[in-house]
Amino acid sequence: MHSQVKSVASLSLLYAFRMLGLFMVLPVMMLYGDGYAGATPFLLGVALGAYGLTQAIFQIPLGLLSDLFGRKPVILIGLLIFAVGSLVAGSATSIEGLIIGRALQGAGAIASAIMAMVADLTTEDNRTKAMAAIGASIGLSFSIAMVLGPVLASVAGLSGVFFATCGLALLGVLVLLFVVPKPAQPTGKSHRDSGAIPALMGKTAQNPQLLRLNLGIFSLHFVLMSAFVVVPRILESGLGIARENHWHIYLGLLLGALIIMMPFMMLAERKRMVKQVFLLAIFLLGAALVALALWHTTAMVVITLLLLFFVAFNLLEATLPSLVSKVAPAGAKGTAMGLYSTSQFLGAFAGGTLGGWLLEQNSATAVLYVAATVTALWLLVAIFMQAPRYLTSICINVGGDFARTPAVLSVTGVAEALMVPEEGLLYLKVDRQALDQQQLAHVVGTEV
């Protein structure tokens, strides 16, 4: 158990280092990027979102390569590519160099390989908690980055942010080589609840419920990147808040949003009102964007609207992966999450690029209205989604000769069951509140 805790903690740290480096430029790119030769709002928007395009292209392939060549070599190569990209961006004097550096950062796409390694290093009964720890590390790195980015940029400029990012990547290399344990089980196959399975991609991509969620995460990160094309400039030029003091604003907003969102999260899960809270959050996100487009010259109004924006964003960022987990068929969770993550990164690229173009061609107000329109379309699609079944994924090691799947399906609380003989694993979707654990343990012949 101690070794599993160490594994999850070290991999969470590794993931956090990388996401911290990607997120730190979010609140500062549009403020400090004007100094690069050839910089325009459009090209700065491309630089802001460029990592998303290469991340979307490489994250599933690198996860599959880790099945063939091992997790650590692929993660190591990804971290080194990320470090090189950070160096290129930090050394750049032109906007083209900045874009190339950001694209290289995204090309070091190690998320899928890390998730697969978590599956290698944890037992089935601890895997859900391990994945939750990784998710928490992403949320924490976003919050820290929103504060740390403006602080570093005020001291060392945008190049300093990228050099710090390179340092984090190299620190991640040391963690990988000297702290992360080597998986005891051989690689060569992907765990279906943590990695994408090529044979399942077509069917998973056509699942209407999952399509709605993929559209949702695309829209959410489109909106995030679009908003940060204009929000830093609103704070500085519109409200007169010095850029070196922006971190105070983000710190207060993120802490306030965390406190406000917690009751909604508990209401969603404990009272089984996920869909209602989900729709409310989408509506609040769109309302905040429209109001910000209309009233962005008064400090108190802007701060209040940004607080509402972050409450809605954090709620949706936390709820969407949970919905994917609930909706994905047994044995297809890893594939569903792979396609979901690809949609997320494509949304980041589209939001940064289109947001920058709109700012250059029109105004900050136009950027906010387009982001609000995307949110409204998302809300229209989300209204018609089915209320999720409150199911949890379970994976049980039963051996390749297990032949009692029909009996498992008759157990109270078991909704889906998939036996994969070549893995010796039984994948289940269960209702935890209704599950008869004693009956299930009797059928599968092991403690659940």
Protein backbone atom coordinates (compact mmCIF):
# COMPACT_ATOMS: atom_id res chain seq x y z
CA MET A 1 0.00 0.00 0.00
CA HIS A 2 2.85 2.39 0.87
CA SER A 3 4.44 1.81 -2.54
CA GLN A 4 1.13 2.61 -4.26
CA VAL A 5 0.79 5.88 -2.33
CA LYS A 6 4.35 6.78 -3.32
CA SER A 7 3.60 5.92 -6.95
CA VAL A 8 0.44 8.00 -7.11
CA ALA A 9 2.02 10.94 -5.26
CA SER A 10 5.07 11.01 -7.54
CA LEU A 11 3.00 10.69 -10.73
CA SER A 12 0.60 13.39 -9.52
CA LEU A 13 3.59 15.64 -8.92
CA LEU A 14 4.91 14.86 -12.39
CA TYR A 15 1.57 15.70 -13.97
CA ALA A 16 1.26 18.88 -11.89
CA PHE A 17 4.71 20.13 -12.94
CA ARG A 18 3.79 19.85 -16.60
CA MET A 19 0.32 21.38 -16.29
CA LEU A 20 1.71 24.18 -14.14
CA GLY A 21 4.12 25.04 -16.94
CA LEU A 22 1.34 25.08 -19.52
CA PHE A 23 -1.09 27.13 -17.43
CA MET A 24 1.34 29.81 -16.17
CA VAL A 25 1.29 31.69 -19.48
CA LEU A 26 -2.51 31.94 -19.50
CA PRO A 27 -2.85 35.17 -17.47
CA VAL A 28 0.28 36.84 -18.90
CA MET A 29 0.65 35.99 -22.61
CA MET A 30 -1.54 38.83 -23.90
CA LEU A 31 0.09 41.36 -21.55
CA TYR A 32 3.78 40.60 -22.14
CA GLY A 33 3.62 39.22 -25.68
CA ASP A 34 3.52 42.63 -27.36
CA GLY A 35 7.30 42.87 -27.09
CA TYR A 36 7.95 40.05 -29.57
CA ALA A 37 8.83 40.97 -33.13
CA GLY A 38 5.83 40.59 -35.42
CA ALA A 39 3.37 40.13 -32.55
CA THR A 40 -0.30 40.80 -33.28
CA PRO A 41 -3.36 39.91 -31.19
CA PHE A 42 -4.13 37.08 -33.62
CA LEU A 43 -0.63 35.57 -33.48
CA LEU A 44 -0.51 35.94 -29.71
CA GLY A 45 -3.81 34.04 -29.59
CA VAL A 46 -2.24 31.33 -31.76
CA ALA A 47 0.73 31.19 -29.35
CA LEU A 48 -1.65 30.96 -26.40
CA GLY A 49 -3.54 28.00 -27.88
CA ALA A 50 -0.82 26.32 -29.99
CA TYR A 51 0.00 23.74 -27.33
CA GLY A 52 -3.59 22.47 -27.58
CA LEU A 53 -3.27 21.47 -31.23
CA THR A 54 -0.09 19.41 -30.79
CA GLN A 55 -1.34 17.99 -27.51
CA ALA A 56 -4.51 16.80 -29.27
CA ILE A 57 -2.46 15.24 -32.07
CA PHE A 58 0.07 13.37 -29.92
CA GLN A 59 -1.57 12.43 -26.61
CA ILE A 60 -3.35 9.22 -27.74
CA PRO A 61 -0.46 8.04 -30.01
CA LEU A 62 2.10 8.52 -27.24
CA GLY A 63 -0.14 6.58 -24.87
CA LEU A 64 -0.26 3.71 -27.37
CA LEU A 65 3.53 3.90 -27.87
CA SER A 66 3.95 3.50 -24.12
CA ASP A 67 2.17 0.14 -24.44
CA LEU A 68 4.85 -0.96 -26.90
CA PHE A 69 8.05 0.59 -25.53
CA GLY A 70 7.28 1.08 -21.84
CA ARG A 71 5.85 3.95 -19.81
CA LYS A 72 9.04 5.52 -18.48
CA PRO A 73 10.85 5.91 -21.84
CA VAL A 74 7.82 7.59 -23.44
CA ILE A 75 7.22 9.88 -20.44
CA LEU A 76 10.92 10.77 -20.37
CA ILE A 77 10.92 11.68 -24.06
CA GLY A 78 7.73 13.71 -23.58
CA LEU A 79 9.22 15.66 -20.67
CA LEU A 80 12.40 16.37 -22.64
CA ILE A 81 10.36 17.61 -25.65
CA PHE A 82 8.38 19.80 -23.26
CA ALA A 83 11.63 21.16 -21.79
CA VAL A 84 13.03 21.90 -25.27
CA GLY A 85 9.80 23.66 -26.20
CA SER A 86 10.04 25.77 -23.06
CA LEU A 87 13.64 26.70 -23.90
CA VAL A 88 12.67 27.63 -27.47
CA ALA A 89 9.80 29.80 -26.21
CA GLY A 90 11.97 31.35 -23.49
CA SER A 91 14.74 32.20 -25.96
CA ALA A 92 12.40 33.51 -28.66
CA THR A 93 12.50 37.14 -29.75
CA SER A 94 9.86 36.78 -32.47
CA ILE A 95 6.26 35.68 -32.33
CA GLU A 96 7.08 32.79 -34.70
CA GLY A 97 9.64 31.44 -32.25
CA LEU A 98 7.11 31.76 -29.44
CA ILE A 99 4.50 29.78 -31.40
CA ILE A 100 7.03 27.05 -32.27
CA GLY A 101 8.03 26.77 -28.60
CA ARG A 102 4.41 26.49 -27.47
CA ALA A 103 3.70 23.85 -30.13
CA LEU A 104 6.72 21.85 -28.94
CA GLN A 105 5.47 22.09 -25.36
CA GLY A 106 2.20 20.48 -26.42
CA ALA A 107 3.98 17.79 -28.44
CA GLY A 108 5.42 16.41 -25.20
CA ALA A 109 1.99 14.91 -24.53
CA ILE A 110 2.48 12.49 -21.64
CA ALA A 111 -0.99 12.52 -20.07
CA SER A 112 -2.10 9.16 -21.51
CA ALA A 113 1.19 7.47 -20.65
CA ILE A 114 1.00 8.76 -17.06
CA MET A 115 -2.57 7.50 -16.67
CA ALA A 116 -1.52 4.11 -18.04
CA MET A 117 1.37 4.02 -15.58
CA VAL A 118 -1.01 4.78 -12.71
CA ALA A 119 -2.95 1.67 -13.77
CA ASP A 120 0.28 -0.35 -13.87
CA LEU A 121 1.30 0.72 -10.38
CA THR A 122 -2.02 0.44 -8.52
CA THR A 123 -4.39 -2.39 -7.72
CA GLU A 124 -7.92 -2.39 -9.11
CA ASP A 125 -9.49 -1.40 -5.79
CA ASN A 126 -7.25 1.68 -5.41
CA ARG A 127 -7.30 2.83 -9.04
CA THR A 128 -10.31 5.13 -8.79
CA LYS A 129 -8.74 6.99 -5.86
CA ALA A 130 -5.46 7.22 -7.77
CA MET A 131 -7.15 8.76 -10.81
CA ALA A 132 -8.95 11.21 -8.52
CA ALA A 133 -5.59 12.25 -7.05
CA ILE A 134 -4.26 12.95 -10.55
CA GLY A 135 -7.37 15.02 -11.28
CA ALA A 136 -6.90 16.99 -8.08
CA SER A 137 -3.29 17.72 -9.02
CA ILE A 138 -4.48 19.25 -12.30
CA GLY A 139 -6.94 21.52 -10.51
CA LEU A 140 -4.33 22.56 -7.97
CA SER A 141 -1.74 23.28 -10.67
CA PHE A 142 -4.24 25.51 -12.50
CA SER A 143 -4.88 27.56 -9.35
CA ILE A 144 -1.18 27.89 -8.51
CA ALA A 145 -0.34 28.80 -12.13
CA MET A 146 -2.88 31.63 -12.19
CA VAL A 147 -1.07 33.20 -9.24
CA LEU A 148 2.52 32.23 -10.00
CA GLY A 149 2.44 33.24 -13.68
CA PRO A 150 1.85 36.96 -13.04
CA VAL A 151 4.42 36.97 -10.21
CA LEU A 152 7.17 35.41 -12.36
CA ALA A 153 6.32 37.56 -15.39
CA SER A 154 6.51 40.76 -13.34
CA VAL A 155 10.04 39.82 -12.22
CA ALA A 156 11.53 38.11 -15.28
CA GLY A 157 9.11 38.73 -18.15
CA LEU A 158 7.42 36.13 -20.30
CA SER A 159 10.76 34.48 -21.09
CA GLY A 160 11.29 33.97 -17.36
CA VAL A 161 8.00 32.08 -17.16
CA PHE A 162 9.15 29.73 -19.91
CA PHE A 163 12.58 29.19 -18.36
CA ALA A 164 10.87 28.35 -15.06
CA THR A 165 8.68 25.92 -16.99
CA CYS A 166 11.80 24.27 -18.41
CA GLY A 167 13.13 23.92 -14.86
CA LEU A 168 9.89 22.24 -13.78
CA ALA A 169 10.16 19.81 -16.70
CA LEU A 170 13.72 18.86 -15.74
CA LEU A 171 12.64 18.48 -12.12
CA GLY A 172 9.95 16.15 -13.46
CA VAL A 173 12.66 14.12 -15.20
CA LEU A 174 14.43 13.65 -11.86
CA VAL A 175 11.17 12.58 -10.19
CA LEU A 176 10.53 10.11 -13.01
CA LEU A 177 14.01 8.57 -12.89
CA PHE A 178 14.60 8.46 -9.14
CA VAL A 179 11.19 8.53 -7.40
CA VAL A 180 8.57 6.91 -9.64
CA PRO A 181 8.78 3.12 -9.21
CA LYS A 182 9.21 0.84 -12.19
CA PRO A 183 5.96 -1.02 -12.95
CA ALA A 184 6.09 -4.60 -11.70
CA GLN A 185 3.80 -5.84 -14.45
CA PRO A 186 5.10 -5.84 -18.01
CA THR A 187 3.73 -3.26 -20.42
CA GLY A 188 2.51 -4.25 -23.84
CA LYS A 189 -1.18 -3.68 -23.30
CA SER A 190 -3.31 -0.78 -22.19
CA HIS A 191 -5.67 -0.99 -19.25
CA ARG A 192 -9.16 -0.31 -20.58
CA ASP A 193 -10.09 2.07 -17.77
CA SER A 194 -6.95 4.21 -18.13
CA GLY A 195 -5.82 4.04 -21.76
CA ALA A 196 -7.40 4.29 -25.20
CA ILE A 197 -8.07 1.06 -27.10
CA PRO A 198 -7.89 1.61 -30.89
CA ALA A 199 -10.58 -1.00 -31.59
CA LEU A 200 -13.05 0.88 -29.37
CA MET A 201 -12.46 4.40 -30.72
CA GLY A 202 -14.98 4.31 -33.57
CA LYS A 203 -17.85 3.04 -31.45
CA THR A 204 -16.96 5.32 -28.53
CA ALA A 205 -16.73 8.38 -30.78
CA GLN A 206 -20.27 7.71 -32.03
CA ASN A 207 -21.84 7.40 -28.56
CA PRO A 208 -24.38 10.29 -28.45
CA GLN A 209 -24.01 10.88 -24.72
CA LEU A 210 -20.23 10.95 -24.88
CA LEU A 211 -20.39 13.21 -27.96
CA ARG A 212 -22.32 15.76 -25.90
CA LEU A 213 -19.67 15.65 -23.20
CA ASN A 214 -16.84 15.95 -25.74
CA LEU A 215 -18.59 19.01 -27.17
CA GLY A 216 -18.88 20.28 -23.62
CA ILE A 217 -15.17 20.09 -22.78
CA PHE A 218 -14.32 21.57 -26.21
CA SER A 219 -16.65 24.50 -25.47
CA LEU A 220 -15.37 24.96 -21.92
CA HIS A 221 -11.73 25.26 -22.96
CA PHE A 222 -12.64 27.33 -26.01
CA VAL A 223 -14.29 29.76 -23.60
CA LEU A 224 -11.38 29.67 -21.14
CA MET A 225 -8.77 30.52 -23.77
CA SER A 226 -11.00 33.13 -25.43
CA ALA A 227 -11.63 34.79 -22.09
CA PHE A 228 -7.92 35.03 -21.32
CA VAL A 229 -7.29 36.71 -24.64
CA VAL A 230 -9.17 39.71 -23.22
CA VAL A 231 -9.45 39.45 -19.40
CA PRO A 232 -5.82 40.41 -18.58
CA ARG A 233 -6.15 43.51 -20.77
CA ILE A 234 -9.49 44.41 -19.19
CA LEU A 235 -7.85 44.27 -15.75
CA GLU A 236 -4.90 46.40 -16.84
CA SER A 237 -6.26 48.84 -19.43
CA GLY A 238 -9.92 48.92 -18.46
CA LEU A 239 -9.62 48.96 -14.68
CA GLY A 240 -6.10 50.34 -14.27
CA ILE A 241 -4.84 47.39 -12.19
CA ALA A 242 -1.05 47.09 -12.64
CA ARG A 243 -0.09 43.77 -14.24
CA GLU A 244 2.27 42.91 -11.37
CA ASN A 245 -0.76 43.01 -9.04
CA HIS A 246 -2.98 40.72 -11.08
CA TRP A 247 -1.98 37.72 -8.98
CA HIS A 248 -3.83 39.25 -6.01
CA ILE A 249 -7.01 39.31 -8.08
CA TYR A 250 -6.65 35.72 -9.30
CA LEU A 251 -5.79 34.42 -5.82
CA GLY A 252 -8.91 35.96 -4.32
CA LEU A 253 -11.10 34.82 -7.20
CA LEU A 254 -9.90 31.22 -7.14
CA LEU A 255 -10.18 30.87 -3.36
CA GLY A 256 -13.65 32.42 -3.44
CA ALA A 257 -14.73 30.18 -6.32
CA LEU A 258 -13.50 27.06 -4.50
CA ILE A 259 -15.51 27.91 -1.40
CA ILE A 260 -18.67 28.73 -3.37
CA MET A 261 -18.54 25.67 -5.63
CA MET A 262 -18.19 23.05 -2.88
CA PRO A 263 -21.87 23.06 -1.79
CA PHE A 264 -22.92 22.65 -5.43
CA MET A 265 -20.57 19.69 -5.85
CA MET A 266 -21.99 18.01 -2.75
CA LEU A 267 -25.54 18.73 -3.92
CA ALA A 268 -24.79 17.20 -7.32
CA GLU A 269 -23.34 13.93 -6.02
CA ARG A 270 -25.12 13.34 -2.70
CA LYS A 271 -28.58 14.40 -3.87
CA ARG A 272 -28.03 12.97 -7.34
CA MET A 273 -28.67 16.31 -9.03
CA VAL A 274 -25.67 16.26 -11.38
CA LYS A 275 -27.61 17.27 -14.49
CA GLN A 276 -29.36 20.18 -12.76
CA VAL A 277 -26.11 21.56 -11.32
CA PHE A 278 -24.36 20.97 -14.65
CA LEU A 279 -26.94 22.96 -16.61
CA LEU A 280 -26.92 25.73 -14.01
CA ALA A 281 -23.15 26.04 -14.29
CA ILE A 282 -23.29 26.31 -18.11
CA PHE A 283 -25.95 29.00 -17.82
CA LEU A 284 -23.91 30.95 -15.24
CA LEU A 285 -20.80 30.72 -17.44
CA GLY A 286 -22.66 32.20 -20.41
CA ALA A 287 -24.37 34.84 -18.28
CA ALA A 288 -21.02 35.96 -16.84
CA LEU A 289 -19.56 36.33 -20.35
CA VAL A 290 -22.51 38.37 -21.64
CA ALA A 291 -22.49 40.61 -18.57
CA LEU A 292 -18.72 41.07 -18.85
CA ALA A 293 -19.14 42.12 -22.50
CA LEU A 294 -21.73 44.72 -21.44
CA TRP A 295 -20.10 46.02 -18.25
CA HIS A 296 -16.31 45.77 -18.10
CA THR A 297 -15.31 49.24 -16.93
CA THR A 298 -16.26 49.07 -13.24
CA ALA A 299 -13.89 47.20 -10.95
CA MET A 300 -16.44 45.74 -8.54
CA VAL A 301 -18.70 44.57 -11.37
CA VAL A 302 -15.81 42.95 -13.27
CA ILE A 303 -14.48 41.19 -10.16
CA THR A 304 -17.94 39.86 -9.30
CA LEU A 305 -18.47 38.59 -12.84
CA LEU A 306 -15.04 36.95 -12.92
CA LEU A 307 -15.85 35.23 -9.62
CA LEU A 308 -19.04 33.90 -11.20
CA PHE A 309 -17.02 32.80 -14.24
CA PHE A 310 -14.51 30.86 -12.12
CA VAL A 311 -17.25 29.25 -10.00
CA ALA A 312 -18.97 28.00 -13.16
CA PHE A 313 -15.69 26.97 -14.82
CA ASN A 314 -14.46 25.00 -11.82
CA LEU A 315 -17.83 23.28 -11.39
CA LEU A 316 -17.86 22.22 -15.04
CA GLU A 317 -14.19 21.22 -15.07
CA ALA A 318 -14.87 18.91 -12.10
CA THR A 319 -18.24 17.60 -13.29
CA LEU A 320 -17.42 16.71 -16.90
CA PRO A 321 -14.86 13.93 -16.19
CA SER A 322 -17.25 12.47 -13.62
CA LEU A 323 -20.01 12.41 -16.24
CA VAL A 324 -17.70 10.71 -18.77
CA SER A 325 -16.92 8.05 -16.17
CA LYS A 326 -20.64 7.51 -15.49
CA VAL A 327 -21.64 7.40 -19.17
CA ALA A 328 -18.76 5.36 -20.67
CA PRO A 329 -19.63 1.68 -21.21
CA ALA A 330 -17.85 -0.94 -19.10
CA GLY A 331 -14.31 -1.42 -20.37
CA ALA A 332 -14.36 1.75 -22.49
CA LYS A 333 -13.60 4.42 -19.90
CA GLY A 334 -9.97 4.87 -21.00
CA THR A 335 -10.96 5.27 -24.64
CA ALA A 336 -13.74 7.70 -23.72
CA MET A 337 -11.32 9.79 -21.64
CA GLY A 338 -8.77 9.81 -24.46
CA LEU A 339 -11.29 11.24 -26.94
CA TYR A 340 -12.54 13.64 -24.25
CA SER A 341 -9.02 14.97 -23.64
CA THR A 342 -8.45 15.38 -27.38
CA SER A 343 -11.62 17.49 -27.56
CA GLN A 344 -10.40 19.56 -24.61
CA PHE A 345 -7.10 20.44 -26.26
CA LEU A 346 -8.71 21.20 -29.61
CA GLY A 347 -11.03 23.59 -27.78
CA ALA A 348 -8.03 25.35 -26.22
CA PHE A 349 -6.41 25.79 -29.63
CA ALA A 350 -9.61 27.02 -31.28
CA GLY A 351 -10.40 29.41 -28.42
CA GLY A 352 -6.96 31.03 -28.36
CA THR A 353 -6.72 31.31 -32.15
CA LEU A 354 -10.24 32.58 -32.85
CA GLY A 355 -10.18 34.83 -29.79
CA GLY A 356 -6.95 36.47 -30.95
CA TRP A 357 -8.34 36.94 -34.48
CA LEU A 358 -11.56 38.50 -33.16
CA LEU A 359 -9.62 40.86 -30.92
CA GLU A 360 -7.47 41.97 -33.85
CA GLN A 361 -10.38 42.37 -36.28
CA ASN A 362 -12.98 43.70 -33.88
CA SER A 363 -12.86 44.17 -30.10
CA ALA A 364 -12.72 42.51 -26.71
CA THR A 365 -16.51 42.72 -26.60
CA ALA A 366 -16.75 40.63 -29.78
CA VAL A 367 -14.52 37.94 -28.22
CA LEU A 368 -16.77 37.73 -25.17
CA TYR A 369 -19.96 37.61 -27.23
CA VAL A 370 -18.63 34.77 -29.40
CA ALA A 371 -17.57 32.84 -26.27
CA ALA A 372 -21.06 33.41 -24.85
CA THR A 373 -22.61 32.15 -28.11
CA VAL A 374 -20.53 28.96 -27.94
CA THR A 375 -21.72 28.52 -24.34
CA ALA A 376 -25.37 29.03 -25.37
CA LEU A 377 -25.06 26.38 -28.09
CA TRP A 378 -23.50 24.02 -25.55
CA LEU A 379 -26.39 24.65 -23.14
CA LEU A 380 -28.89 23.87 -25.91
CA VAL A 381 -27.18 20.53 -26.58
CA ALA A 382 -26.75 19.71 -22.87
CA ILE A 383 -30.43 20.26 -22.06
CA PHE A 384 -31.32 17.17 -24.10
CA MET A 385 -28.73 14.86 -22.56
CA GLN A 386 -30.02 11.96 -20.53
CA ALA A 387 -29.74 12.27 -16.78
CA PRO A 388 -26.69 10.16 -15.92
CA ARG A 389 -26.99 6.84 -14.19
CA TYR A 390 -25.00 7.03 -10.98
CA LEU A 391 -22.64 4.23 -11.85
CA THR A 392 -19.06 3.58 -10.79
CA SER A 393 -16.44 1.64 -12.74
CA ILE A 394 -14.94 -1.41 -11.03
CA CYS A 395 -12.24 -3.70 -12.39
CA ILE A 396 -11.73 -7.14 -10.82
CA ASN A 397 -8.83 -9.51 -11.50
CA VAL A 398 -10.62 -12.84 -11.99
CA GLY A 399 -8.24 -14.73 -14.30
CA GLY A 400 -8.63 -15.53 -17.98
CA ASP A 401 -10.82 -18.62 -17.51
CA PHE A 402 -13.64 -16.79 -15.66
CA ALA A 403 -16.95 -17.82 -17.21
CA ARG A 404 -19.61 -16.47 -14.84
CA THR A 405 -20.34 -13.10 -16.46
CA PRO A 406 -24.11 -13.84 -16.76
CA ALA A 407 -24.21 -14.57 -13.04
CA VAL A 408 -22.39 -11.30 -12.33
CA LEU A 409 -25.03 -9.39 -14.30
CA SER A 410 -27.72 -10.88 -12.04
CA VAL A 411 -26.09 -9.38 -8.92
CA THR A 412 -28.10 -6.55 -7.40
CA GLY A 413 -26.56 -3.20 -8.34
CA VAL A 414 -24.50 -4.44 -11.32
CA ALA A 415 -25.56 -2.60 -14.50
CA GLU A 416 -22.88 -3.71 -16.99
CA ALA A 417 -20.21 -6.40 -17.12
CA LEU A 418 -17.46 -7.04 -19.65
CA MET A 419 -15.01 -9.95 -19.36
CA VAL A 420 -11.69 -9.56 -21.22
CA PRO A 421 -10.04 -13.01 -21.11
CA GLU A 422 -6.66 -11.90 -22.50
CA GLU A 423 -6.32 -9.45 -19.59
CA GLY A 424 -7.95 -11.70 -17.02
CA LEU A 425 -10.02 -8.69 -15.94
CA LEU A 426 -13.73 -8.21 -15.37
CA TYR A 427 -14.95 -4.64 -15.99
CA LEU A 428 -18.14 -3.62 -14.20
CA LYS A 429 -20.41 -0.58 -13.97
CA VAL A 430 -22.23 -0.64 -10.63
CA ASP A 431 -24.57 1.47 -8.55
CA ARG A 432 -22.67 1.74 -5.28
CA GLN A 433 -25.80 2.52 -3.26
CA ALA A 434 -27.61 -0.59 -4.51
CA LEU A 435 -24.67 -2.99 -4.94
CA ASP A 436 -24.82 -6.23 -2.97
CA GLN A 437 -21.09 -6.63 -2.32
CA GLN A 438 -21.44 -9.97 -0.56
CA GLN A 439 -23.37 -11.45 -3.48
CA LEU A 440 -20.82 -10.08 -5.97
CA ALA A 441 -17.90 -11.41 -3.94
CA HIS A 442 -19.57 -14.82 -3.82
CA VAL A 443 -20.04 -14.88 -7.63
CA VAL A 444 -16.53 -13.72 -8.56
CA GLY A 445 -14.85 -15.67 -5.77
CA THR A 446 -12.86 -12.76 -4.37
CA GLU A 447 -13.32 -9.77 -2.06
CA VAL A 448 -14.61 -6.64 -3.86
